[in-house]
Amino acid sequence: SKGEWAGQLIRLEEIQRRILMTVFGWMRADGTRRF
């Protein structure tokens, strides 16, 4: 929404993608999120 990229779709950096994968990808035995 700001700066030179305003209006462009967000492109995640690799570190951001890895953080999201870790937080949302790890599951407990019952299928809910681990973290």
PDB file of all heavy atoms in Angstrom:
ATOM      1  N   SER A   1       0.806  -1.220   0.000  1.00  0.00           N
ATOM      2  CA  SER A   1       0.000   0.000   0.000  1.00  0.00           C
ATOM      3  C   SER A   1       0.840   1.272   0.000  1.00  0.00           C
ATOM      4  O   SER A   1       0.301   2.354  -0.159  1.00  0.00           O
ATOM      5  CB  SER A   1      -0.940   0.012   1.213  1.00  0.00           C
ATOM      6  OG  SER A   1      -0.182  -0.027   2.411  1.00  0.00           O
ATOM      7  N   LYS A   2       2.165   1.150   0.158  1.00  0.00           N
ATOM      8  CA  LYS A   2       3.008   2.338   0.237  1.00  0.00           C
ATOM      9  C   LYS A   2       4.270   2.165  -0.600  1.00  0.00           C
ATOM     10  O   LYS A   2       4.691   1.044  -0.884  1.00  0.00           O
ATOM     11  CB  LYS A   2       3.421   2.617   1.691  1.00  0.00           C
ATOM     12  CG  LYS A   2       2.262   2.945   2.595  1.00  0.00           C
ATOM     13  CD  LYS A   2       2.747   3.199   4.000  1.00  0.00           C
ATOM     14  CE  LYS A   2       1.573   3.519   4.911  1.00  0.00           C
ATOM     15  NZ  LYS A   2       1.988   3.715   6.283  1.00  0.00           N
ATOM     16  N   GLY A   3       4.873   3.288  -0.928  1.00  0.00           N
ATOM     17  CA  GLY A   3       6.169   3.272  -1.602  1.00  0.00           C
ATOM     18  C   GLY A   3       6.089   2.845  -3.050  1.00  0.00           C
ATOM     19  O   GLY A   3       5.016   2.804  -3.660  1.00  0.00           O
ATOM     20  N   GLU A   4       7.241   2.499  -3.594  1.00  0.00           N
ATOM     21  CA  GLU A   4       7.329   2.203  -5.028  1.00  0.00           C
ATOM     22  C   GLU A   4       6.549   0.955  -5.442  1.00  0.00           C
ATOM     23  O   GLU A   4       6.236   0.783  -6.611  1.00  0.00           O
ATOM     24  CB  GLU A   4       8.787   2.079  -5.457  1.00  0.00           C
ATOM     25  CG  GLU A   4       9.529   0.916  -4.831  1.00  0.00           C
ATOM     26  CD  GLU A   4      10.979   0.856  -5.266  1.00  0.00           C
ATOM     27  OE1 GLU A   4      11.242   0.486  -6.429  1.00  0.00           O
ATOM     28  OE2 GLU A   4      11.844   1.201  -4.439  1.00  0.00           O
ATOM     29  N   TRP A   5       6.249   0.068  -4.490  1.00  0.00           N
ATOM     30  CA  TRP A   5       5.518  -1.155  -4.829  1.00  0.00           C
ATOM     31  C   TRP A   5       4.012  -1.047  -4.564  1.00  0.00           C
ATOM     32  O   TRP A   5       3.295  -2.036  -4.690  1.00  0.00           O
ATOM     33  CB  TRP A   5       6.079  -2.348  -4.066  1.00  0.00           C
ATOM     34  CG  TRP A   5       7.507  -2.619  -4.412  1.00  0.00           C
ATOM     35  CD1 TRP A   5       8.001  -3.012  -5.626  1.00  0.00           C
ATOM     36  CD2 TRP A   5       8.619  -2.496  -3.549  1.00  0.00           C
ATOM     37  NE1 TRP A   5       9.359  -3.140  -5.568  1.00  0.00           N
ATOM     38  CE2 TRP A   5       9.777  -2.830  -4.292  1.00  0.00           C
ATOM     39  CE3 TRP A   5       8.774  -2.137  -2.221  1.00  0.00           C
ATOM     40  CZ2 TRP A   5      11.052  -2.816  -3.754  1.00  0.00           C
ATOM     41  CZ3 TRP A   5      10.049  -2.121  -1.678  1.00  0.00           C
ATOM     42  CH2 TRP A   5      11.165  -2.453  -2.442  1.00  0.00           C
ATOM     43  N   ALA A   6       3.552   0.122  -4.207  1.00  0.00           N
ATOM     44  CA  ALA A   6       2.118   0.303  -3.906  1.00  0.00           C
ATOM     45  C   ALA A   6       1.266  -0.242  -5.044  1.00  0.00           C
ATOM     46  O   ALA A   6       1.511   0.040  -6.213  1.00  0.00           O
ATOM     47  CB  ALA A   6       1.819   1.770  -3.662  1.00  0.00           C
ATOM     48  N   GLY A   7       0.294  -1.056  -4.670  1.00  0.00           N
ATOM     49  CA  GLY A   7      -0.626  -1.636  -5.643  1.00  0.00           C
ATOM     50  C   GLY A   7      -0.180  -2.977  -6.186  1.00  0.00           C
ATOM     51  O   GLY A   7      -0.985  -3.711  -6.758  1.00  0.00           O
ATOM     52  N   GLN A   8       1.084  -3.326  -6.020  1.00  0.00           N
ATOM     53  CA  GLN A   8       1.589  -4.602  -6.526  1.00  0.00           C
ATOM     54  C   GLN A   8       1.353  -5.708  -5.506  1.00  0.00           C
ATOM     55  O   GLN A   8       1.408  -5.483  -4.296  1.00  0.00           O
ATOM     56  CB  GLN A   8       3.085  -4.502  -6.826  1.00  0.00           C
ATOM     57  CG  GLN A   8       3.410  -3.554  -7.957  1.00  0.00           C
ATOM     58  CD  GLN A   8       4.903  -3.508  -8.229  1.00  0.00           C
ATOM     59  OE1 GLN A   8       5.620  -4.478  -7.996  1.00  0.00           O
ATOM     60  NE2 GLN A   8       5.378  -2.372  -8.713  1.00  0.00           N
ATOM     61  N   LEU A   9       1.113  -6.907  -6.010  1.00  0.00           N
ATOM     62  CA  LEU A   9       0.968  -8.061  -5.121  1.00  0.00           C
ATOM     63  C   LEU A   9       2.251  -8.270  -4.328  1.00  0.00           C
ATOM     64  O   LEU A   9       3.357  -8.059  -4.840  1.00  0.00           O
ATOM     65  CB  LEU A   9       0.647  -9.322  -5.919  1.00  0.00           C
ATOM     66  CG  LEU A   9      -0.771  -9.421  -6.473  1.00  0.00           C
ATOM     67  CD1 LEU A   9      -0.879 -10.584  -7.446  1.00  0.00           C
ATOM     68  CD2 LEU A   9      -1.779  -9.572  -5.353  1.00  0.00           C
ATOM     69  N   ILE A  10       2.099  -8.688  -3.102  1.00  0.00           N
ATOM     70  CA  ILE A  10       3.245  -8.960  -2.232  1.00  0.00           C
ATOM     71  C   ILE A  10       3.956 -10.216  -2.726  1.00  0.00           C
ATOM     72  O   ILE A  10       3.315 -11.211  -3.069  1.00  0.00           O
ATOM     73  CB  ILE A  10       2.775  -9.149  -0.776  1.00  0.00           C
ATOM     74  CG1 ILE A  10       2.259  -7.811  -0.235  1.00  0.00           C
ATOM     75  CG2 ILE A  10       3.876  -9.721   0.097  1.00  0.00           C
ATOM     76  CD1 ILE A  10       1.580  -7.914   1.104  1.00  0.00           C
ATOM     77  N   ARG A  11       5.259 -10.160  -2.761  1.00  0.00           N
ATOM     78  CA  ARG A  11       6.096 -11.327  -3.049  1.00  0.00           C
ATOM     79  C   ARG A  11       6.939 -11.559  -1.805  1.00  0.00           C
ATOM     80  O   ARG A  11       7.770 -10.731  -1.446  1.00  0.00           O
ATOM     81  CB  ARG A  11       7.008 -11.096  -4.264  1.00  0.00           C
ATOM     82  CG  ARG A  11       6.269 -11.037  -5.559  1.00  0.00           C
ATOM     83  CD  ARG A  11       5.742 -12.432  -5.947  1.00  0.00           C
ATOM     84  NE  ARG A  11       4.759 -12.320  -7.012  1.00  0.00           N
ATOM     85  CZ  ARG A  11       3.494 -12.686  -6.901  1.00  0.00           C
ATOM     86  NH1 ARG A  11       3.046 -13.179  -5.764  1.00  0.00           N
ATOM     87  NH2 ARG A  11       2.663 -12.579  -7.897  1.00  0.00           N
ATOM     88  N   LEU A  12       6.686 -12.664  -1.145  1.00  0.00           N
ATOM     89  CA  LEU A  12       7.385 -12.971   0.102  1.00  0.00           C
ATOM     90  C   LEU A  12       8.848 -13.309  -0.156  1.00  0.00           C
ATOM     91  O   LEU A  12       9.178 -13.975  -1.137  1.00  0.00           O
ATOM     92  CB  LEU A  12       6.710 -14.142   0.807  1.00  0.00           C
ATOM     93  CG  LEU A  12       5.269 -13.910   1.258  1.00  0.00           C
ATOM     94  CD1 LEU A  12       4.636 -15.231   1.676  1.00  0.00           C
ATOM     95  CD2 LEU A  12       5.198 -12.901   2.387  1.00  0.00           C
ATOM     96  N   GLU A  13       9.705 -12.861   0.749  1.00  0.00           N
ATOM     97  CA  GLU A  13      11.107 -13.274   0.727  1.00  0.00           C
ATOM     98  C   GLU A  13      11.172 -14.708   1.245  1.00  0.00           C
ATOM     99  O   GLU A  13      10.268 -15.182   1.940  1.00  0.00           O
ATOM    100  CB  GLU A  13      11.942 -12.351   1.622  1.00  0.00           C
ATOM    101  CG  GLU A  13      11.973 -10.907   1.166  1.00  0.00           C
ATOM    102  CD  GLU A  13      12.745 -10.722  -0.128  1.00  0.00           C
ATOM    103  OE1 GLU A  13      13.664 -11.535  -0.411  1.00  0.00           O
ATOM    104  OE2 GLU A  13      12.428  -9.764  -0.859  1.00  0.00           O
ATOM    105  N   GLU A  14      12.258 -15.381   0.957  1.00  0.00           N
ATOM    106  CA  GLU A  14      12.402 -16.776   1.371  1.00  0.00           C
ATOM    107  C   GLU A  14      12.280 -16.935   2.888  1.00  0.00           C
ATOM    108  O   GLU A  14      11.643 -17.871   3.368  1.00  0.00           O
ATOM    109  CB  GLU A  14      13.739 -17.337   0.883  1.00  0.00           C
ATOM    110  CG  GLU A  14      13.917 -18.818   1.158  1.00  0.00           C
ATOM    111  CD  GLU A  14      12.872 -19.710   0.489  1.00  0.00           C
ATOM    112  OE1 GLU A  14      12.313 -19.325  -0.555  1.00  0.00           O
ATOM    113  OE2 GLU A  14      12.608 -20.798   1.039  1.00  0.00           O
ATOM    114  N   ILE A  15      12.846 -16.011   3.660  1.00  0.00           N
ATOM    115  CA  ILE A  15      12.759 -16.108   5.121  1.00  0.00           C
ATOM    116  C   ILE A  15      11.310 -15.979   5.593  1.00  0.00           C
ATOM    117  O   ILE A  15      10.872 -16.693   6.491  1.00  0.00           O
ATOM    118  CB  ILE A  15      13.679 -15.072   5.832  1.00  0.00           C
ATOM    119  CG1 ILE A  15      13.683 -15.297   7.354  1.00  0.00           C
ATOM    120  CG2 ILE A  15      13.248 -13.648   5.522  1.00  0.00           C
ATOM    121  CD1 ILE A  15      14.298 -16.568   7.810  1.00  0.00           C
ATOM    122  N   GLN A  16      10.540 -15.093   4.965  1.00  0.00           N
ATOM    123  CA  GLN A  16       9.131 -14.941   5.327  1.00  0.00           C
ATOM    124  C   GLN A  16       8.359 -16.214   5.004  1.00  0.00           C
ATOM    125  O   GLN A  16       7.545 -16.685   5.802  1.00  0.00           O
ATOM    126  CB  GLN A  16       8.524 -13.757   4.580  1.00  0.00           C
ATOM    127  CG  GLN A  16       9.112 -12.425   4.966  1.00  0.00           C
ATOM    128  CD  GLN A  16       8.720 -11.337   3.991  1.00  0.00           C
ATOM    129  OE1 GLN A  16       8.797 -11.506   2.775  1.00  0.00           O
ATOM    130  NE2 GLN A  16       8.289 -10.205   4.539  1.00  0.00           N
ATOM    131  N   ARG A  17       8.628 -16.775   3.832  1.00  0.00           N
ATOM    132  CA  ARG A  17       7.962 -18.019   3.424  1.00  0.00           C
ATOM    133  C   ARG A  17       8.293 -19.149   4.404  1.00  0.00           C
ATOM    134  O   ARG A  17       7.423 -19.903   4.815  1.00  0.00           O
ATOM    135  CB  ARG A  17       8.404 -18.378   2.005  1.00  0.00           C
ATOM    136  CG  ARG A  17       7.742 -19.605   1.439  1.00  0.00           C
ATOM    137  CD  ARG A  17       8.161 -19.818  -0.001  1.00  0.00           C
ATOM    138  NE  ARG A  17       7.696 -18.757  -0.868  1.00  0.00           N
ATOM    139  CZ  ARG A  17       6.444 -18.623  -1.291  1.00  0.00           C
ATOM    140  NH1 ARG A  17       5.540 -19.499  -0.911  1.00  0.00           N
ATOM    141  NH2 ARG A  17       6.090 -17.640  -2.083  1.00  0.00           N
ATOM    142  N   ARG A  18       9.551 -19.256   4.809  1.00  0.00           N
ATOM    143  CA  ARG A  18       9.950 -20.324   5.733  1.00  0.00           C
ATOM    144  C   ARG A  18       9.288 -20.151   7.101  1.00  0.00           C
ATOM    145  O   ARG A  18       8.886 -21.124   7.727  1.00  0.00           O
ATOM    146  CB  ARG A  18      11.468 -20.371   5.874  1.00  0.00           C
ATOM    147  CG  ARG A  18      12.149 -20.946   4.663  1.00  0.00           C
ATOM    148  CD  ARG A  18      13.655 -20.907   4.818  1.00  0.00           C
ATOM    149  NE  ARG A  18      14.299 -21.368   3.616  1.00  0.00           N
ATOM    150  CZ  ARG A  18      14.877 -22.555   3.486  1.00  0.00           C
ATOM    151  NH1 ARG A  18      14.869 -23.397   4.503  1.00  0.00           N
ATOM    152  NH2 ARG A  18      15.443 -22.903   2.367  1.00  0.00           N
ATOM    153  N   ILE A  19       9.194 -18.909   7.551  1.00  0.00           N
ATOM    154  CA  ILE A  19       8.518 -18.652   8.831  1.00  0.00           C
ATOM    155  C   ILE A  19       7.061 -19.100   8.750  1.00  0.00           C
ATOM    156  O   ILE A  19       6.555 -19.815   9.625  1.00  0.00           O
ATOM    157  CB  ILE A  19       8.623 -17.166   9.223  1.00  0.00           C
ATOM    158  CG1 ILE A  19      10.059 -16.822   9.617  1.00  0.00           C
ATOM    159  CG2 ILE A  19       7.649 -16.836  10.351  1.00  0.00           C
ATOM    160  CD1 ILE A  19      10.328 -15.325   9.747  1.00  0.00           C
ATOM    161  N   LEU A  20       6.372 -18.696   7.689  1.00  0.00           N
ATOM    162  CA  LEU A  20       4.959 -19.073   7.530  1.00  0.00           C
ATOM    163  C   LEU A  20       4.798 -20.585   7.404  1.00  0.00           C
ATOM    164  O   LEU A  20       3.871 -21.168   7.975  1.00  0.00           O
ATOM    165  CB  LEU A  20       4.353 -18.369   6.316  1.00  0.00           C
ATOM    166  CG  LEU A  20       4.223 -16.859   6.434  1.00  0.00           C
ATOM    167  CD1 LEU A  20       3.774 -16.259   5.101  1.00  0.00           C
ATOM    168  CD2 LEU A  20       3.278 -16.464   7.543  1.00  0.00           C
ATOM    169  N   MET A  21       5.706 -21.225   6.662  1.00  0.00           N
ATOM    170  CA  MET A  21       5.635 -22.678   6.503  1.00  0.00           C
ATOM    171  C   MET A  21       5.791 -23.380   7.853  1.00  0.00           C
ATOM    172  O   MET A  21       5.082 -24.334   8.153  1.00  0.00           O
ATOM    173  CB  MET A  21       6.730 -23.165   5.538  1.00  0.00           C
ATOM    174  CG  MET A  21       6.550 -22.711   4.109  1.00  0.00           C
ATOM    175  SD  MET A  21       5.137 -23.458   3.301  1.00  0.00           S
ATOM    176  CE  MET A  21       5.704 -25.118   3.102  1.00  0.00           C
ATOM    177  N   THR A  22       6.720 -22.890   8.668  1.00  0.00           N
ATOM    178  CA  THR A  22       6.957 -23.505   9.978  1.00  0.00           C
ATOM    179  C   THR A  22       5.762 -23.298  10.905  1.00  0.00           C
ATOM    180  O   THR A  22       5.268 -24.248  11.520  1.00  0.00           O
ATOM    181  CB  THR A  22       8.234 -22.915  10.624  1.00  0.00           C
ATOM    182  OG1 THR A  22       9.341 -23.191   9.769  1.00  0.00           O
ATOM    183  CG2 THR A  22       8.470 -23.510  11.996  1.00  0.00           C
ATOM    184  N   VAL A  23       5.290 -22.056  11.001  1.00  0.00           N
ATOM    185  CA  VAL A  23       4.200 -21.738  11.931  1.00  0.00           C
ATOM    186  C   VAL A  23       2.901 -22.430  11.534  1.00  0.00           C
ATOM    187  O   VAL A  23       2.208 -23.001  12.376  1.00  0.00           O
ATOM    188  CB  VAL A  23       4.001 -20.208  12.030  1.00  0.00           C
ATOM    189  CG1 VAL A  23       2.759 -19.872  12.833  1.00  0.00           C
ATOM    190  CG2 VAL A  23       5.225 -19.550  12.635  1.00  0.00           C
ATOM    191  N   PHE A  24       2.569 -22.399  10.250  1.00  0.00           N
ATOM    192  CA  PHE A  24       1.272 -22.925   9.810  1.00  0.00           C
ATOM    193  C   PHE A  24       1.333 -24.368   9.311  1.00  0.00           C
ATOM    194  O   PHE A  24       0.299 -25.007   9.159  1.00  0.00           O
ATOM    195  CB  PHE A  24       0.677 -22.023   8.732  1.00  0.00           C
ATOM    196  CG  PHE A  24       0.170 -20.721   9.252  1.00  0.00           C
ATOM    197  CD1 PHE A  24       0.986 -19.601   9.302  1.00  0.00           C
ATOM    198  CD2 PHE A  24      -1.135 -20.601   9.713  1.00  0.00           C
ATOM    199  CE1 PHE A  24       0.517 -18.394   9.791  1.00  0.00           C
ATOM    200  CE2 PHE A  24      -1.614 -19.407  10.210  1.00  0.00           C
ATOM    201  CZ  PHE A  24      -0.782 -18.299  10.254  1.00  0.00           C
ATOM    202  N   GLY A  25       2.527 -24.900   9.029  1.00  0.00           N
ATOM    203  CA  GLY A  25       2.635 -26.242   8.462  1.00  0.00           C
ATOM    204  C   GLY A  25       2.756 -27.374   9.465  1.00  0.00           C
ATOM    205  O   GLY A  25       2.310 -28.486   9.209  1.00  0.00           O
ATOM    206  N   TRP A  26       3.361 -27.107  10.625  1.00  0.00           N
ATOM    207  CA  TRP A  26       3.510 -28.179  11.619  1.00  0.00           C
ATOM    208  C   TRP A  26       2.194 -28.436  12.332  1.00  0.00           C
ATOM    209  O   TRP A  26       1.548 -27.520  12.801  1.00  0.00           O
ATOM    210  CB  TRP A  26       4.590 -27.832  12.642  1.00  0.00           C
ATOM    211  CG  TRP A  26       5.951 -28.191  12.143  1.00  0.00           C
ATOM    212  CD1 TRP A  26       6.891 -27.354  11.628  1.00  0.00           C
ATOM    213  CD2 TRP A  26       6.497 -29.508  12.076  1.00  0.00           C
ATOM    214  NE1 TRP A  26       7.994 -28.063  11.248  1.00  0.00           N
ATOM    215  CE2 TRP A  26       7.785 -29.397  11.519  1.00  0.00           C
ATOM    216  CE3 TRP A  26       6.029 -30.768  12.432  1.00  0.00           C
ATOM    217  CZ2 TRP A  26       8.600 -30.498  11.311  1.00  0.00           C
ATOM    218  CZ3 TRP A  26       6.843 -31.864  12.227  1.00  0.00           C
ATOM    219  CH2 TRP A  26       8.115 -31.724  11.674  1.00  0.00           C
ATOM    220  N   MET A  27       1.798 -29.702  12.372  1.00  0.00           N
ATOM    221  CA  MET A  27       0.511 -30.105  12.935  1.00  0.00           C
ATOM    222  C   MET A  27       0.675 -31.066  14.109  1.00  0.00           C
ATOM    223  O   MET A  27       1.652 -31.797  14.202  1.00  0.00           O
ATOM    224  CB  MET A  27      -0.336 -30.821  11.867  1.00  0.00           C
ATOM    225  CG  MET A  27      -0.613 -29.994  10.640  1.00  0.00           C
ATOM    226  SD  MET A  27      -1.750 -28.664  11.044  1.00  0.00           S
ATOM    227  CE  MET A  27      -1.629 -27.671   9.588  1.00  0.00           C
ATOM    228  N   ARG A  28      -0.331 -31.046  14.954  1.00  0.00           N
ATOM    229  CA  ARG A  28      -0.430 -32.028  16.034  1.00  0.00           C
ATOM    230  C   ARG A  28      -1.142 -33.265  15.489  1.00  0.00           C
ATOM    231  O   ARG A  28      -1.718 -33.233  14.405  1.00  0.00           O
ATOM    232  CB  ARG A  28      -1.227 -31.437  17.198  1.00  0.00           C
ATOM    233  CG  ARG A  28      -0.554 -30.234  17.809  1.00  0.00           C
ATOM    234  CD  ARG A  28      -1.405 -29.595  18.877  1.00  0.00           C
ATOM    235  NE  ARG A  28      -0.760 -28.371  19.339  1.00  0.00           N
ATOM    236  CZ  ARG A  28      -0.935 -27.840  20.516  1.00  0.00           C
ATOM    237  NH1 ARG A  28      -1.770 -28.396  21.383  1.00  0.00           N
ATOM    238  NH2 ARG A  28      -0.302 -26.741  20.859  1.00  0.00           N
ATOM    239  N   ALA A  29      -1.153 -34.312  16.251  1.00  0.00           N
ATOM    240  CA  ALA A  29      -1.783 -35.565  15.817  1.00  0.00           C
ATOM    241  C   ALA A  29      -3.252 -35.359  15.457  1.00  0.00           C
ATOM    242  O   ALA A  29      -3.785 -36.016  14.568  1.00  0.00           O
ATOM    243  CB  ALA A  29      -1.640 -36.637  16.897  1.00  0.00           C
ATOM    244  N   ASP A  30      -3.931 -34.401  16.118  1.00  0.00           N
ATOM    245  CA  ASP A  30      -5.356 -34.173  15.850  1.00  0.00           C
ATOM    246  C   ASP A  30      -5.610 -33.263  14.646  1.00  0.00           C
ATOM    247  O   ASP A  30      -6.748 -32.934  14.343  1.00  0.00           O
ATOM    248  CB  ASP A  30      -6.056 -33.609  17.092  1.00  0.00           C
ATOM    249  CG  ASP A  30      -5.548 -32.226  17.490  1.00  0.00           C
ATOM    250  OD1 ASP A  30      -4.673 -31.663  16.801  1.00  0.00           O
ATOM    251  OD2 ASP A  30      -6.038 -31.699  18.513  1.00  0.00           O
ATOM    252  N   GLY A  31      -4.542 -32.836  13.963  1.00  0.00           N
ATOM    253  CA  GLY A  31      -4.701 -32.003  12.766  1.00  0.00           C
ATOM    254  C   GLY A  31      -4.722 -30.510  13.036  1.00  0.00           C
ATOM    255  O   GLY A  31      -4.839 -29.722  12.102  1.00  0.00           O
ATOM    256  N   THR A  32      -4.629 -30.097  14.293  1.00  0.00           N
ATOM    257  CA  THR A  32      -4.554 -28.667  14.590  1.00  0.00           C
ATOM    258  C   THR A  32      -3.088 -28.230  14.573  1.00  0.00           C
ATOM    259  O   THR A  32      -2.183 -29.057  14.650  1.00  0.00           O
ATOM    260  CB  THR A  32      -5.181 -28.331  15.967  1.00  0.00           C
ATOM    261  OG1 THR A  32      -4.461 -29.024  16.985  1.00  0.00           O
ATOM    262  CG2 THR A  32      -6.657 -28.707  15.999  1.00  0.00           C
ATOM    263  N   ARG A  33      -2.878 -26.923  14.477  1.00  0.00           N
ATOM    264  CA  ARG A  33      -1.514 -26.409  14.402  1.00  0.00           C
ATOM    265  C   ARG A  33      -0.712 -26.709  15.665  1.00  0.00           C
ATOM    266  O   ARG A  33      -1.221 -26.576  16.780  1.00  0.00           O
ATOM    267  CB  ARG A  33      -1.533 -24.895  14.167  1.00  0.00           C
ATOM    268  CG  ARG A  33      -1.849 -24.538  12.736  1.00  0.00           C
ATOM    269  CD  ARG A  33      -1.591 -23.074  12.462  1.00  0.00           C
ATOM    270  NE  ARG A  33      -2.620 -22.202  12.973  1.00  0.00           N
ATOM    271  CZ  ARG A  33      -3.711 -21.856  12.306  1.00  0.00           C
ATOM    272  NH1 ARG A  33      -3.930 -22.325  11.104  1.00  0.00           N
ATOM    273  NH2 ARG A  33      -4.572 -21.045  12.850  1.00  0.00           N
ATOM    274  N   ARG A  34       0.540 -27.075  15.461  1.00  0.00           N
ATOM    275  CA  ARG A  34       1.439 -27.326  16.591  1.00  0.00           C
ATOM    276  C   ARG A  34       1.740 -26.027  17.328  1.00  0.00           C
ATOM    277  O   ARG A  34       1.706 -25.983  18.550  1.00  0.00           O
ATOM    278  CB  ARG A  34       2.740 -27.936  16.081  1.00  0.00           C
ATOM    279  CG  ARG A  34       3.778 -28.078  17.165  1.00  0.00           C
ATOM    280  CD  ARG A  34       5.108 -28.546  16.623  1.00  0.00           C
ATOM    281  NE  ARG A  34       6.044 -28.766  17.724  1.00  0.00           N
ATOM    282  CZ  ARG A  34       7.303 -29.087  17.554  1.00  0.00           C
ATOM    283  NH1 ARG A  34       7.790 -29.238  16.334  1.00  0.00           N
ATOM    284  NH2 ARG A  34       8.088 -29.269  18.588  1.00  0.00           N
ATOM    285  N   PHE A  35       2.081 -24.990  16.586  1.00  0.00           N
ATOM    286  CA  PHE A  35       2.496 -23.738  17.197  1.00  0.00           C
ATOM    287  C   PHE A  35       1.314 -22.806  17.382  1.00  0.00           C
ATOM    288  O   PHE A  35       0.619 -22.466  16.434  1.00  0.00           O
ATOM    289  CB  PHE A  35       3.588 -23.062  16.361  1.00  0.00           C
ATOM    290  CG  PHE A  35       4.824 -23.899  16.240  1.00  0.00           C
ATOM    291  CD1 PHE A  35       5.194 -24.451  15.036  1.00  0.00           C
ATOM    292  CD2 PHE A  35       5.615 -24.161  17.356  1.00  0.00           C
ATOM    293  CE1 PHE A  35       6.326 -25.235  14.923  1.00  0.00           C
ATOM    294  CE2 PHE A  35       6.753 -24.952  17.256  1.00  0.00           C
ATOM    295  CZ  PHE A  35       7.109 -25.490  16.035  1.00  0.00           C
TER     296      PHE A  35
END
